[in-house]
Structure formats: structure tokens, C-alpha cells
Amino acid sequence: MNRLITFEGVDGCGKSTQLKLAAAWLQSRGEQVVTTFEPGDSPLGGEIRRLLLSGEHLPVAECELLLFLADRAQHVRSKLMPALSDGAWVLCDRFSDSTRAYQLAARKLDAAGLEPMLRFAECGITPSLTLWFDVPVETAVERMRLRQLAGEKSSRLDDEAVSFHQRVADAFVRQADAESERIVRINAAESIDEVHQQVIAMISARFQL
């Protein structure tokens, strides 16, 4: 079993905060931890992220999908594989489940027909555990609004209509139902500390810590 854990959910679900807390907890136990994210956590990926999220250019749905997959292949080969080979824990903010939710379901592309392309971009790497941070879309949208009021710049995907984010949320529900062994639901509507305790419990149970 590899030590790749992916953190998934709609924008505003709190996954990025929880990833940092989980990394700190593992490091406090003396573990080697690599934290990463998609899209963009490689030199080439940074350029792809800018193209995808800046809003400077508006890719059609098919182009958007291919850019995300290009970023993933580069990310897997250049960062995930070396870290996993070294025996590190790898905590990744978004992976293929986000692509299924955002680029396939929310953009209404052919999910079944495009699944082989997602597998190809993964280069044989599958998470041992995926933590899905489930929160009502209304709550997530309000959190994003508050972040923007605090000065955080929104991305092109953040600014999509509520109906888009609802399709994303619904897709995560379907994915969790379909892969209940790998994808574990976290109640992300609770306080940060309460959510963190759920995360610790799930990681401890899966990896027998």
C-alpha cells in the first residue's frame, strides 16, 4: 500500500486547511511528509495552472480537461512517484476525483468514454485513501465569498455559477458511493478541530497507526 492520500471536495470545503493540519500531525509523529496540489505543483504545471485558472483565456471543456490531464501526468512523474519511492507520505490537494467532478460531470463530458484518459494521466498511481470533505454547497459558496472579502483572489472555477458547484458536489457523492473502500466521507460542516479529529481517525484506521 502506498502512502498517497488525496483531499477532495467542492471549493470552500476546507480540504486545504485540513491537509496542512494532517501533515503537521504526521510530522509530529516523526513521519516524512510531502504536501502537494493540483493543478500546478511543478514548474511546467505552474504554467498550466495559470492558463487554466487566471481567466485570461477561456478554454472549451475539452481543452480544459486535456490541460488538467497534462498537469497530472507531469505532476505524477516529477513529484508523486519520487516521493512515494522514498517511502514518504504524500498528501495531495486534488487528484483524479476532482477531474471527474469538475471536468467530466460539471462540464457534462462523456465520463465513461474518457475514463481511460484519466487512468493514462495517473501513470499507474492510485491513492490508497481519498478523504472527501462533504459540505453543503451553500456553505461552501459562503466560505468562498468570505475568502474573497478577506482579499483572496478567486479563480475562474471559483466564479462559476452555483449550479456548476452543485453538479460538482453531486458528482462527489456518486464517486463515494461507487468507490466506498477508497473514498471516505468527512463531515466538513463541523469546526476545524472536529474535522481534523475525523481526519486523524480515518488515517489512523486505514494505515493502522
N, C-alpha and C. Protein backbone atom coordinates (compact mmCIF):
# COMPACT_ATOMS: atom_id res chain seq x y z
N MET A 1 0.84 -1.20 0.00
CA MET A 1 0.00 0.00 0.00
C MET A 1 0.88 1.25 0.00
N ASN A 2 0.67 2.12 -1.00
CA ASN A 2 1.42 3.38 -0.98
C ASN A 2 0.82 4.32 0.07
N ARG A 3 1.50 5.41 0.30
CA ARG A 3 1.05 6.37 1.31
C ARG A 3 0.56 7.66 0.67
N LEU A 4 -0.13 7.50 -0.45
CA LEU A 4 -0.73 8.65 -1.11
C LEU A 4 -2.16 8.84 -0.61
N ILE A 5 -2.41 10.02 -0.03
CA ILE A 5 -3.74 10.39 0.45
C ILE A 5 -4.16 11.63 -0.32
N THR A 6 -5.31 11.56 -0.97
CA THR A 6 -5.81 12.72 -1.69
C THR A 6 -6.95 13.37 -0.91
N PHE A 7 -7.01 14.69 -1.01
CA PHE A 7 -8.00 15.51 -0.30
C PHE A 7 -8.91 16.13 -1.35
N GLU A 8 -10.20 15.82 -1.27
CA GLU A 8 -11.14 16.19 -2.33
C GLU A 8 -12.39 16.87 -1.77
N GLY A 9 -13.07 17.58 -2.64
CA GLY A 9 -14.33 18.23 -2.28
C GLY A 9 -14.54 19.49 -3.09
N VAL A 10 -15.71 20.08 -2.93
CA VAL A 10 -16.01 21.32 -3.64
C VAL A 10 -15.13 22.44 -3.12
N ASP A 11 -14.94 23.48 -3.93
CA ASP A 11 -14.22 24.66 -3.45
C ASP A 11 -14.92 25.21 -2.22
N GLY A 12 -14.12 25.53 -1.19
CA GLY A 12 -14.70 26.04 0.04
C GLY A 12 -15.00 24.98 1.08
N CYS A 13 -14.62 23.73 0.80
CA CYS A 13 -14.94 22.64 1.74
C CYS A 13 -13.97 22.57 2.91
N GLY A 14 -12.81 23.23 2.80
CA GLY A 14 -11.84 23.24 3.89
C GLY A 14 -10.74 22.20 3.75
N LYS A 15 -10.66 21.52 2.63
CA LYS A 15 -9.68 20.44 2.45
C LYS A 15 -8.24 20.92 2.55
N SER A 16 -7.95 22.11 2.01
CA SER A 16 -6.57 22.61 2.03
C SER A 16 -6.09 22.87 3.45
N THR A 17 -6.97 23.43 4.27
CA THR A 17 -6.65 23.64 5.68
C THR A 17 -6.40 22.31 6.38
N GLN A 18 -7.26 21.33 6.11
CA GLN A 18 -7.13 20.03 6.76
C GLN A 18 -5.90 19.28 6.28
N LEU A 19 -5.50 19.48 5.04
CA LEU A 19 -4.27 18.84 4.55
C LEU A 19 -3.06 19.35 5.35
N LYS A 20 -3.00 20.64 5.58
CA LYS A 20 -1.88 21.21 6.35
C LYS A 20 -1.87 20.67 7.78
N LEU A 21 -3.05 20.56 8.38
CA LEU A 21 -3.13 20.04 9.75
C LEU A 21 -2.74 18.57 9.80
N ALA A 22 -3.17 17.79 8.81
CA ALA A 22 -2.82 16.37 8.76
C ALA A 22 -1.32 16.19 8.58
N ALA A 23 -0.72 17.02 7.73
CA ALA A 23 0.72 16.95 7.51
C ALA A 23 1.48 17.24 8.81
N ALA A 24 1.04 18.28 9.53
CA ALA A 24 1.70 18.63 10.79
C ALA A 24 1.57 17.50 11.80
N TRP A 25 0.40 16.85 11.84
CA TRP A 25 0.19 15.73 12.77
C TRP A 25 1.11 14.57 12.44
N LEU A 26 1.21 14.21 11.17
CA LEU A 26 2.10 13.12 10.78
C LEU A 26 3.56 13.46 11.07
N GLN A 27 3.95 14.70 10.80
CA GLN A 27 5.32 15.11 11.07
C GLN A 27 5.64 15.07 12.55
N SER A 28 4.62 15.36 13.39
CA SER A 28 4.82 15.30 14.84
C SER A 28 5.08 13.88 15.32
N ARG A 29 4.71 12.91 14.49
CA ARG A 29 4.97 11.50 14.79
C ARG A 29 6.30 11.04 14.21
N GLY A 30 7.05 11.96 13.62
CA GLY A 30 8.34 11.63 13.06
C GLY A 30 8.29 11.10 11.64
N GLU A 31 7.15 11.28 10.96
CA GLU A 31 6.98 10.77 9.60
C GLU A 31 7.51 11.74 8.56
N GLN A 32 8.00 11.20 7.45
CA GLN A 32 8.40 12.01 6.30
C GLN A 32 7.16 12.31 5.48
N VAL A 33 6.87 13.59 5.27
CA VAL A 33 5.63 14.00 4.61
C VAL A 33 5.93 14.97 3.48
N VAL A 34 5.31 14.72 2.33
CA VAL A 34 5.37 15.65 1.20
C VAL A 34 3.95 16.14 0.95
N THR A 35 3.76 17.45 0.92
CA THR A 35 2.45 18.01 0.60
C THR A 35 2.51 18.60 -0.80
N THR A 36 1.43 18.43 -1.53
CA THR A 36 1.42 18.89 -2.92
C THR A 36 -0.02 19.19 -3.33
N PHE A 37 -0.18 19.66 -4.56
CA PHE A 37 -1.52 20.06 -5.01
C PHE A 37 -1.60 19.99 -6.52
N GLU A 38 -2.83 20.00 -7.01
CA GLU A 38 -3.10 20.08 -8.44
C GLU A 38 -4.19 21.12 -8.68
N PRO A 39 -4.10 21.81 -9.81
CA PRO A 39 -3.00 21.80 -10.77
C PRO A 39 -1.89 22.74 -10.33
N GLY A 40 -0.66 22.48 -10.85
CA GLY A 40 0.36 23.48 -10.77
C GLY A 40 1.59 23.24 -9.93
N ASP A 41 1.71 22.09 -9.23
CA ASP A 41 2.86 21.95 -8.33
C ASP A 41 4.05 21.28 -9.04
N SER A 42 4.44 21.88 -10.14
CA SER A 42 5.67 21.56 -10.85
C SER A 42 5.97 22.79 -11.71
N PRO A 43 7.21 22.97 -12.13
CA PRO A 43 7.50 24.16 -12.94
C PRO A 43 6.63 24.25 -14.19
N LEU A 44 6.49 23.15 -14.90
CA LEU A 44 5.61 23.16 -16.07
C LEU A 44 4.16 23.30 -15.65
N GLY A 45 3.79 22.61 -14.55
CA GLY A 45 2.42 22.69 -14.07
C GLY A 45 2.00 24.08 -13.66
N GLY A 46 2.96 24.87 -13.17
CA GLY A 46 2.63 26.24 -12.81
C GLY A 46 2.15 27.05 -13.99
N GLU A 47 2.75 26.80 -15.15
CA GLU A 47 2.31 27.48 -16.36
C GLU A 47 0.92 27.01 -16.78
N ILE A 48 0.69 25.70 -16.64
CA ILE A 48 -0.63 25.16 -16.98
C ILE A 48 -1.68 25.72 -16.03
N ARG A 49 -1.35 25.82 -14.73
CA ARG A 49 -2.30 26.37 -13.76
C ARG A 49 -2.70 27.80 -14.13
N ARG A 50 -1.71 28.59 -14.53
CA ARG A 50 -2.01 29.97 -14.90
C ARG A 50 -2.98 30.01 -16.07
N LEU A 51 -2.75 29.17 -17.06
CA LEU A 51 -3.63 29.12 -18.22
C LEU A 51 -5.04 28.68 -17.82
N LEU A 52 -5.11 27.74 -16.89
CA LEU A 52 -6.40 27.18 -16.51
C LEU A 52 -7.24 28.11 -15.65
N LEU A 53 -6.61 28.78 -14.70
CA LEU A 53 -7.37 29.44 -13.64
C LEU A 53 -7.38 30.96 -13.70
N SER A 54 -6.50 31.56 -14.48
CA SER A 54 -6.41 33.02 -14.44
C SER A 54 -7.61 33.71 -15.06
N GLY A 55 -8.28 33.05 -16.00
CA GLY A 55 -9.37 33.69 -16.71
C GLY A 55 -8.91 34.52 -17.89
N GLU A 56 -7.58 34.57 -18.11
CA GLU A 56 -7.04 35.32 -19.25
C GLU A 56 -7.52 34.71 -20.57
N HIS A 57 -7.58 33.39 -20.59
CA HIS A 57 -8.11 32.66 -21.74
C HIS A 57 -9.21 31.73 -21.24
N LEU A 58 -10.23 31.51 -22.03
CA LEU A 58 -11.33 30.64 -21.63
C LEU A 58 -11.30 29.36 -22.47
N PRO A 59 -10.74 28.29 -21.93
CA PRO A 59 -10.67 27.05 -22.70
C PRO A 59 -12.04 26.41 -22.83
N VAL A 60 -12.29 25.77 -23.97
CA VAL A 60 -13.50 24.97 -24.09
C VAL A 60 -13.35 23.76 -23.17
N ALA A 61 -14.45 23.06 -22.90
CA ALA A 61 -14.44 21.98 -21.92
C ALA A 61 -13.41 20.91 -22.24
N GLU A 62 -13.30 20.55 -23.52
CA GLU A 62 -12.35 19.51 -23.91
C GLU A 62 -10.91 19.95 -23.69
N CYS A 63 -10.63 21.20 -24.02
CA CYS A 63 -9.29 21.75 -23.81
C CYS A 63 -8.96 21.80 -22.32
N GLU A 64 -9.93 22.24 -21.52
CA GLU A 64 -9.73 22.31 -20.07
C GLU A 64 -9.36 20.94 -19.51
N LEU A 65 -10.08 19.91 -19.93
CA LEU A 65 -9.79 18.55 -19.47
C LEU A 65 -8.37 18.14 -19.83
N LEU A 66 -7.98 18.36 -21.07
CA LEU A 66 -6.66 17.94 -21.52
C LEU A 66 -5.54 18.69 -20.78
N LEU A 67 -5.75 19.95 -20.46
CA LEU A 67 -4.76 20.69 -19.70
C LEU A 67 -4.61 20.13 -18.29
N PHE A 68 -5.72 19.80 -17.66
CA PHE A 68 -5.64 19.19 -16.32
C PHE A 68 -4.91 17.85 -16.37
N LEU A 69 -5.17 17.06 -17.40
CA LEU A 69 -4.52 15.76 -17.50
C LEU A 69 -3.04 15.90 -17.80
N ALA A 70 -2.68 16.89 -18.60
CA ALA A 70 -1.25 17.14 -18.86
C ALA A 70 -0.54 17.52 -17.57
N ASP A 71 -1.17 18.37 -16.77
CA ASP A 71 -0.59 18.74 -15.48
C ASP A 71 -0.43 17.51 -14.60
N ARG A 72 -1.44 16.63 -14.60
CA ARG A 72 -1.37 15.46 -13.72
C ARG A 72 -0.23 14.53 -14.11
N ALA A 73 -0.08 14.25 -15.38
CA ALA A 73 0.99 13.36 -15.80
C ALA A 73 2.36 13.92 -15.40
N GLN A 74 2.56 15.22 -15.61
CA GLN A 74 3.82 15.85 -15.21
C GLN A 74 4.01 15.77 -13.70
N HIS A 75 2.95 16.02 -12.97
CA HIS A 75 2.99 16.01 -11.51
C HIS A 75 3.31 14.62 -10.97
N VAL A 76 2.65 13.60 -11.50
CA VAL A 76 2.87 12.23 -11.05
C VAL A 76 4.32 11.83 -11.28
N ARG A 77 4.81 12.06 -12.49
CA ARG A 77 6.16 11.62 -12.83
C ARG A 77 7.24 12.41 -12.09
N SER A 78 7.03 13.71 -11.93
CA SER A 78 8.09 14.56 -11.38
C SER A 78 8.06 14.68 -9.86
N LYS A 79 6.89 14.46 -9.24
CA LYS A 79 6.81 14.69 -7.79
C LYS A 79 6.25 13.50 -7.01
N LEU A 80 5.11 12.96 -7.44
CA LEU A 80 4.49 11.90 -6.65
C LEU A 80 5.32 10.62 -6.65
N MET A 81 5.72 10.17 -7.82
CA MET A 81 6.48 8.92 -7.89
C MET A 81 7.79 8.97 -7.10
N PRO A 82 8.61 10.02 -7.25
CA PRO A 82 9.84 10.07 -6.44
C PRO A 82 9.58 10.06 -4.94
N ALA A 83 8.57 10.80 -4.50
CA ALA A 83 8.28 10.86 -3.06
C ALA A 83 7.79 9.51 -2.54
N LEU A 84 6.90 8.87 -3.29
CA LEU A 84 6.40 7.57 -2.86
C LEU A 84 7.51 6.52 -2.87
N SER A 85 8.41 6.60 -3.84
CA SER A 85 9.53 5.67 -3.90
C SER A 85 10.46 5.82 -2.70
N ASP A 86 10.52 7.04 -2.15
CA ASP A 86 11.33 7.30 -0.96
C ASP A 86 10.63 6.87 0.32
N GLY A 87 9.39 6.38 0.21
CA GLY A 87 8.64 5.95 1.38
C GLY A 87 7.93 7.05 2.12
N ALA A 88 7.82 8.23 1.51
CA ALA A 88 7.18 9.36 2.18
C ALA A 88 5.66 9.24 2.12
N TRP A 89 5.02 9.87 3.09
CA TRP A 89 3.59 10.13 2.98
C TRP A 89 3.43 11.27 1.98
N VAL A 90 2.48 11.13 1.08
CA VAL A 90 2.20 12.19 0.12
C VAL A 90 0.75 12.62 0.28
N LEU A 91 0.55 13.85 0.67
CA LEU A 91 -0.80 14.40 0.85
C LEU A 91 -1.04 15.36 -0.31
N CYS A 92 -2.02 15.03 -1.15
CA CYS A 92 -2.24 15.77 -2.38
C CYS A 92 -3.60 16.45 -2.38
N ASP A 93 -3.58 17.75 -2.58
CA ASP A 93 -4.80 18.57 -2.66
C ASP A 93 -5.33 18.48 -4.09
N ARG A 94 -6.30 17.61 -4.29
CA ARG A 94 -6.97 17.29 -5.56
C ARG A 94 -6.16 16.30 -6.40
N PHE A 95 -6.94 15.41 -7.05
CA PHE A 95 -6.35 14.43 -7.96
C PHE A 95 -7.45 14.06 -8.96
N SER A 96 -7.50 12.83 -9.40
CA SER A 96 -8.42 12.45 -10.48
C SER A 96 -9.89 12.62 -10.13
N ASP A 97 -10.25 12.47 -8.86
CA ASP A 97 -11.66 12.61 -8.49
C ASP A 97 -12.16 14.02 -8.77
N SER A 98 -11.29 15.02 -8.61
CA SER A 98 -11.69 16.38 -8.95
C SER A 98 -11.92 16.52 -10.44
N THR A 99 -11.10 15.86 -11.24
CA THR A 99 -11.29 15.91 -12.68
C THR A 99 -12.63 15.29 -13.07
N ARG A 100 -12.95 14.17 -12.43
CA ARG A 100 -14.24 13.54 -12.71
C ARG A 100 -15.40 14.46 -12.33
N ALA A 101 -15.25 15.16 -11.21
CA ALA A 101 -16.34 16.01 -10.73
C ALA A 101 -16.46 17.30 -11.52
N TYR A 102 -15.33 17.96 -11.76
CA TYR A 102 -15.35 19.28 -12.39
C TYR A 102 -15.37 19.19 -13.92
N GLN A 103 -14.40 18.47 -14.49
CA GLN A 103 -14.27 18.48 -15.94
C GLN A 103 -15.19 17.49 -16.65
N LEU A 104 -15.55 16.41 -15.99
CA LEU A 104 -16.46 15.45 -16.63
C LEU A 104 -17.91 15.74 -16.25
N ALA A 105 -18.24 15.65 -14.96
CA ALA A 105 -19.64 15.80 -14.54
C ALA A 105 -20.15 17.23 -14.72
N ALA A 106 -19.44 18.19 -14.14
CA ALA A 106 -19.94 19.57 -14.17
C ALA A 106 -19.91 20.16 -15.57
N ARG A 107 -18.94 19.75 -16.39
CA ARG A 107 -18.87 20.23 -17.78
C ARG A 107 -19.67 19.34 -18.73
N LYS A 108 -20.24 18.27 -18.17
CA LYS A 108 -21.13 17.38 -18.92
C LYS A 108 -20.43 16.71 -20.10
N LEU A 109 -19.21 16.23 -19.83
CA LEU A 109 -18.48 15.45 -20.81
C LEU A 109 -18.76 13.96 -20.60
N ASP A 110 -18.35 13.14 -21.53
CA ASP A 110 -18.61 11.70 -21.51
C ASP A 110 -17.73 11.01 -20.48
N ALA A 111 -18.26 10.80 -19.28
CA ALA A 111 -17.46 10.26 -18.18
C ALA A 111 -16.91 8.87 -18.50
N ALA A 112 -17.76 7.97 -18.95
CA ALA A 112 -17.33 6.59 -19.20
C ALA A 112 -16.30 6.53 -20.33
N GLY A 113 -16.54 7.27 -21.40
CA GLY A 113 -15.64 7.23 -22.54
C GLY A 113 -14.29 7.84 -22.27
N LEU A 114 -14.22 8.78 -21.33
CA LEU A 114 -12.97 9.49 -21.07
C LEU A 114 -12.19 8.91 -19.89
N GLU A 115 -12.77 7.96 -19.19
CA GLU A 115 -12.10 7.37 -18.03
C GLU A 115 -10.72 6.80 -18.38
N PRO A 116 -10.52 6.13 -19.53
CA PRO A 116 -9.16 5.65 -19.84
C PRO A 116 -8.12 6.76 -19.93
N MET A 117 -8.53 7.94 -20.33
CA MET A 117 -7.59 9.05 -20.40
C MET A 117 -7.16 9.47 -19.00
N LEU A 118 -8.08 9.43 -18.04
CA LEU A 118 -7.73 9.77 -16.67
C LEU A 118 -6.73 8.77 -16.13
N ARG A 119 -6.96 7.49 -16.40
CA ARG A 119 -6.03 6.45 -15.94
C ARG A 119 -4.66 6.64 -16.57
N PHE A 120 -4.63 6.98 -17.86
CA PHE A 120 -3.37 7.20 -18.55
C PHE A 120 -2.56 8.31 -17.88
N ALA A 121 -3.23 9.40 -17.51
CA ALA A 121 -2.54 10.54 -16.89
C ALA A 121 -2.04 10.22 -15.49
N GLU A 122 -2.65 9.24 -14.82
CA GLU A 122 -2.21 8.85 -13.48
C GLU A 122 -0.90 8.06 -13.50
N CYS A 123 -0.53 7.54 -14.65
CA CYS A 123 0.74 6.79 -14.81
C CYS A 123 0.85 5.63 -13.81
N GLY A 124 -0.28 4.99 -13.53
CA GLY A 124 -0.28 3.83 -12.66
C GLY A 124 -0.39 4.11 -11.17
N ILE A 125 -0.52 5.38 -10.79
CA ILE A 125 -0.60 5.75 -9.37
C ILE A 125 -2.07 5.92 -8.96
N THR A 126 -2.46 5.20 -7.90
CA THR A 126 -3.81 5.32 -7.35
C THR A 126 -3.71 5.63 -5.86
N PRO A 127 -4.47 6.57 -5.33
CA PRO A 127 -4.42 6.85 -3.88
C PRO A 127 -4.84 5.64 -3.07
N SER A 128 -4.18 5.44 -1.95
CA SER A 128 -4.62 4.41 -1.01
C SER A 128 -5.82 4.87 -0.21
N LEU A 129 -5.96 6.18 -0.05
CA LEU A 129 -7.08 6.75 0.69
C LEU A 129 -7.42 8.11 0.10
N THR A 130 -8.70 8.34 -0.09
CA THR A 130 -9.19 9.65 -0.52
C THR A 130 -10.16 10.17 0.54
N LEU A 131 -9.86 11.33 1.08
CA LEU A 131 -10.74 11.97 2.05
C LEU A 131 -11.60 12.98 1.32
N TRP A 132 -12.89 12.74 1.35
CA TRP A 132 -13.86 13.61 0.66
C TRP A 132 -14.53 14.50 1.70
N PHE A 133 -14.30 15.79 1.60
CA PHE A 133 -14.82 16.76 2.57
C PHE A 133 -16.19 17.23 2.08
N ASP A 134 -17.20 16.68 2.70
CA ASP A 134 -18.58 16.90 2.27
C ASP A 134 -19.19 18.06 3.05
N VAL A 135 -19.67 19.05 2.33
CA VAL A 135 -20.27 20.22 2.94
C VAL A 135 -21.37 20.72 2.00
N PRO A 136 -22.47 21.26 2.53
CA PRO A 136 -23.50 21.80 1.64
C PRO A 136 -22.93 22.87 0.71
N VAL A 137 -23.39 22.88 -0.52
CA VAL A 137 -22.87 23.85 -1.50
C VAL A 137 -23.07 25.28 -1.01
N GLU A 138 -24.20 25.54 -0.36
CA GLU A 138 -24.46 26.89 0.12
C GLU A 138 -23.39 27.33 1.13
N THR A 139 -22.98 26.41 1.98
CA THR A 139 -21.93 26.70 2.95
C THR A 139 -20.61 26.96 2.26
N ALA A 140 -20.28 26.12 1.27
CA ALA A 140 -19.03 26.28 0.53
C ALA A 140 -18.99 27.62 -0.21
N VAL A 141 -20.10 27.99 -0.85
CA VAL A 141 -20.15 29.25 -1.59
C VAL A 141 -19.98 30.43 -0.64
N GLU A 142 -20.59 30.37 0.54
CA GLU A 142 -20.44 31.44 1.52
C GLU A 142 -19.00 31.55 2.01
N ARG A 143 -18.35 30.40 2.21
CA ARG A 143 -16.94 30.43 2.61
C ARG A 143 -16.08 31.07 1.53
N MET A 144 -16.35 30.76 0.28
CA MET A 144 -15.59 31.38 -0.81
C MET A 144 -15.81 32.88 -0.85
N ARG A 145 -17.05 33.30 -0.59
CA ARG A 145 -17.36 34.74 -0.58
C ARG A 145 -16.58 35.44 0.53
N LEU A 146 -16.51 34.82 1.69
CA LEU A 146 -15.79 35.42 2.81
C LEU A 146 -14.29 35.48 2.54
N ARG A 147 -13.76 34.47 1.86
CA ARG A 147 -12.35 34.50 1.50
C ARG A 147 -12.05 35.65 0.56
N GLN A 148 -12.94 35.89 -0.37
CA GLN A 148 -12.74 36.98 -1.32
C GLN A 148 -12.82 38.33 -0.61
N LEU A 149 -13.75 38.44 0.35
CA LEU A 149 -13.85 39.68 1.12
C LEU A 149 -12.59 39.94 1.94
N ALA A 150 -11.92 38.82 2.32
CA ALA A 150 -10.68 38.95 3.10
C ALA A 150 -9.47 39.24 2.21
N GLY A 151 -9.70 39.34 0.90
CA GLY A 151 -8.63 39.71 -0.01
C GLY A 151 -8.06 38.60 -0.85
N GLU A 152 -8.59 37.38 -0.71
CA GLU A 152 -8.09 36.27 -1.52
C GLU A 152 -8.69 36.33 -2.92
N LYS A 153 -7.85 36.23 -3.91
CA LYS A 153 -8.31 36.31 -5.29
C LYS A 153 -8.98 35.01 -5.69
N SER A 154 -10.15 35.11 -6.30
CA SER A 154 -10.86 33.91 -6.73
C SER A 154 -10.30 33.43 -8.07
N SER A 155 -10.51 32.13 -8.35
CA SER A 155 -10.10 31.58 -9.63
C SER A 155 -11.30 31.54 -10.58
N ARG A 156 -11.01 31.23 -11.82
CA ARG A 156 -12.09 31.13 -12.82
C ARG A 156 -13.11 30.08 -12.42
N LEU A 157 -12.66 28.98 -11.82
CA LEU A 157 -13.59 27.93 -11.40
C LEU A 157 -14.38 28.34 -10.16
N ASP A 158 -13.74 29.08 -9.26
CA ASP A 158 -14.46 29.59 -8.08
C ASP A 158 -15.67 30.41 -8.51
N ASP A 159 -15.51 31.15 -9.60
CA ASP A 159 -16.52 32.11 -10.03
C ASP A 159 -17.64 31.49 -10.86
N GLU A 160 -17.62 30.17 -11.02
CA GLU A 160 -18.71 29.51 -11.74
C GLU A 160 -20.03 29.65 -10.97
N ALA A 161 -21.13 29.46 -11.69
CA ALA A 161 -22.47 29.56 -11.07
C ALA A 161 -22.66 28.50 -10.00
N VAL A 162 -23.59 28.77 -9.08
CA VAL A 162 -23.89 27.82 -8.01
C VAL A 162 -24.32 26.47 -8.59
N SER A 163 -25.04 26.49 -9.71
CA SER A 163 -25.47 25.24 -10.33
C SER A 163 -24.29 24.38 -10.74
N PHE A 164 -23.20 25.01 -11.18
CA PHE A 164 -21.98 24.29 -11.52
C PHE A 164 -21.42 23.60 -10.28
N HIS A 165 -21.29 24.34 -9.19
CA HIS A 165 -20.76 23.77 -7.95
C HIS A 165 -21.67 22.67 -7.42
N GLN A 166 -22.98 22.78 -7.65
CA GLN A 166 -23.89 21.72 -7.21
C GLN A 166 -23.66 20.44 -8.02
N ARG A 167 -23.40 20.57 -9.31
CA ARG A 167 -23.08 19.39 -10.12
C ARG A 167 -21.79 18.74 -9.65
N VAL A 168 -20.82 19.57 -9.26
CA VAL A 168 -19.57 19.04 -8.71
C VAL A 168 -19.85 18.25 -7.43
N ALA A 169 -20.63 18.85 -6.53
CA ALA A 169 -20.94 18.19 -5.26
C ALA A 169 -21.67 16.88 -5.49
N ASP A 170 -22.62 16.87 -6.39
CA ASP A 170 -23.38 15.65 -6.69
C ASP A 170 -22.46 14.57 -7.25
N ALA A 171 -21.49 14.98 -8.04
CA ALA A 171 -20.55 14.02 -8.62
C ALA A 171 -19.70 13.37 -7.54
N PHE A 172 -19.28 14.13 -6.55
CA PHE A 172 -18.51 13.55 -5.45
C PHE A 172 -19.33 12.52 -4.68
N VAL A 173 -20.61 12.78 -4.51
CA VAL A 173 -21.48 11.81 -3.84
C VAL A 173 -21.50 10.50 -4.62
N ARG A 174 -21.67 10.59 -5.92
CA ARG A 174 -21.72 9.38 -6.76
C ARG A 174 -20.39 8.63 -6.72
N GLN A 175 -19.29 9.37 -6.75
CA GLN A 175 -17.99 8.72 -6.71
C GLN A 175 -17.77 8.00 -5.39
N ALA A 176 -18.17 8.62 -4.30
CA ALA A 176 -18.02 7.98 -2.99
C ALA A 176 -18.85 6.72 -2.89
N ASP A 177 -20.04 6.74 -3.47
CA ASP A 177 -20.89 5.55 -3.48
C ASP A 177 -20.25 4.43 -4.30
N ALA A 178 -19.62 4.82 -5.41
CA ALA A 178 -19.04 3.83 -6.33
C ALA A 178 -17.73 3.25 -5.81
N GLU A 179 -16.98 4.02 -5.03
CA GLU A 179 -15.68 3.57 -4.53
C GLU A 179 -15.58 3.78 -3.03
N SER A 180 -16.49 3.17 -2.32
CA SER A 180 -16.59 3.40 -0.87
C SER A 180 -15.38 2.86 -0.09
N GLU A 181 -14.62 1.95 -0.67
CA GLU A 181 -13.45 1.43 0.03
C GLU A 181 -12.33 2.47 0.04
N ARG A 182 -12.16 3.16 -1.06
CA ARG A 182 -11.09 4.16 -1.17
C ARG A 182 -11.51 5.53 -0.68
N ILE A 183 -12.72 5.95 -1.00
CA ILE A 183 -13.18 7.31 -0.70
C ILE A 183 -13.97 7.31 0.60
N VAL A 184 -13.50 8.09 1.55
CA VAL A 184 -14.12 8.16 2.88
C VAL A 184 -14.69 9.56 3.09
N ARG A 185 -15.94 9.60 3.51
CA ARG A 185 -16.60 10.89 3.72
C ARG A 185 -16.18 11.51 5.04
N ILE A 186 -15.86 12.80 4.99
CA ILE A 186 -15.59 13.61 6.18
C ILE A 186 -16.69 14.66 6.26
N ASN A 187 -17.31 14.79 7.43
CA ASN A 187 -18.33 15.82 7.62
C ASN A 187 -17.61 17.16 7.79
N ALA A 188 -17.51 17.92 6.71
CA ALA A 188 -16.74 19.15 6.71
C ALA A 188 -17.54 20.36 7.19
N ALA A 189 -18.78 20.14 7.62
CA ALA A 189 -19.59 21.24 8.14
C ALA A 189 -19.28 21.53 9.61
N GLU A 190 -18.50 20.66 10.25
CA GLU A 190 -18.15 20.85 11.66
C GLU A 190 -16.99 21.84 11.80
N SER A 191 -16.58 22.09 13.04
CA SER A 191 -15.48 23.03 13.28
C SER A 191 -14.17 22.47 12.73
N ILE A 192 -13.20 23.33 12.56
CA ILE A 192 -11.91 22.90 12.02
C ILE A 192 -11.30 21.79 12.87
N ASP A 193 -11.35 21.94 14.19
CA ASP A 193 -10.76 20.91 15.06
C ASP A 193 -11.54 19.61 14.98
N GLU A 194 -12.86 19.69 14.92
CA GLU A 194 -13.67 18.48 14.84
C GLU A 194 -13.41 17.74 13.52
N VAL A 195 -13.26 18.50 12.45
CA VAL A 195 -12.95 17.89 11.16
C VAL A 195 -11.56 17.25 11.22
N HIS A 196 -10.61 17.94 11.84
CA HIS A 196 -9.25 17.40 11.98
C HIS A 196 -9.26 16.07 12.72
N GLN A 197 -10.06 15.98 13.75
CA GLN A 197 -10.14 14.72 14.51
C GLN A 197 -10.70 13.59 13.64
N GLN A 198 -11.64 13.91 12.78
CA GLN A 198 -12.14 12.91 11.84
C GLN A 198 -11.02 12.44 10.90
N VAL A 199 -10.24 13.38 10.43
CA VAL A 199 -9.15 13.06 9.51
C VAL A 199 -8.13 12.14 10.18
N ILE A 200 -7.75 12.49 11.40
CA ILE A 200 -6.79 11.66 12.14
C ILE A 200 -7.34 10.24 12.30
N ALA A 201 -8.61 10.16 12.66
CA ALA A 201 -9.22 8.84 12.88
C ALA A 201 -9.21 8.01 11.60
N MET A 202 -9.52 8.63 10.47
CA MET A 202 -9.57 7.89 9.21
C MET A 202 -8.18 7.43 8.77
N ILE A 203 -7.20 8.32 8.89
CA ILE A 203 -5.83 7.95 8.50
C ILE A 203 -5.30 6.85 9.41
N SER A 204 -5.55 7.00 10.71
CA SER A 204 -5.08 6.00 11.67
C SER A 204 -5.69 4.64 11.39
N ALA A 205 -6.98 4.62 11.07
CA ALA A 205 -7.65 3.36 10.82
C ALA A 205 -7.13 2.70 9.53
N ARG A 206 -6.98 3.50 8.48
CA ARG A 206 -6.58 2.93 7.19
C ARG A 206 -5.15 2.40 7.22
N PHE A 207 -4.26 3.12 7.90
CA PHE A 207 -2.84 2.75 7.89
C PHE A 207 -2.38 2.10 9.19
N GLN A 208 -3.37 1.81 10.06
CA GLN A 208 -3.09 1.10 11.31
C GLN A 208 -2.00 1.79 12.15
N LEU A 209 -2.19 3.08 12.35
CA LEU A 209 -1.22 3.86 13.15
C LEU A 209 -1.54 3.75 14.63
